[in-house]
């Protein structure tokens, strides 16, 4: 009986917490499995020193792996101050502050003009809302890698299925075309 009361008390405490809400939030926080992170970064064909942005970086796992494994200059953009703080602490703990950073901000305000790679795990509607910004600011040849959700009207250069966490995930690889 005490165990049930303890569980109910803990659940009540969690429900009483107010989650951060941002009007421009493009997706709920759902971390990509590490297997998917690895595959997204592999498919991006990142070269050392390239600039990688993770839009809606959550716990910073994409940024950290990009900096550690690919020697990329990796930047995460995140709205949640709680996630920004914990990601920054982890980057510092790992000694990656020269190569990796997390910015507390809105992806719509971010300057992506120096991006070589942009990683997305957003909803389909969110990808489509972000599409004009990507088309306007990304340089020709920049790669956009999207987990699970395609970008309407863009033809992926590649699509790959990956099984993780008891379901099939799809990764879309896009390359920005030359300027017209």
Foldseek 3Di string as FASTA:
>chain_A
DVVVVVVVVVVVVVVPDDDDDDPQDQADDDDDPPVVLVVLLVVQVAAAAAEEEEEQCQQVPSQVCCCVVHNYQYEYEHQGPVSQVNNQVVCVVVVNPVRYHYHHDHPVPDQCQRHQEYEYAGAQVSLQVCVVVCLVRYAFFRKYKYKQYDHPPFDFPDKDWDDDPNDIIIIGIGTHHHDD
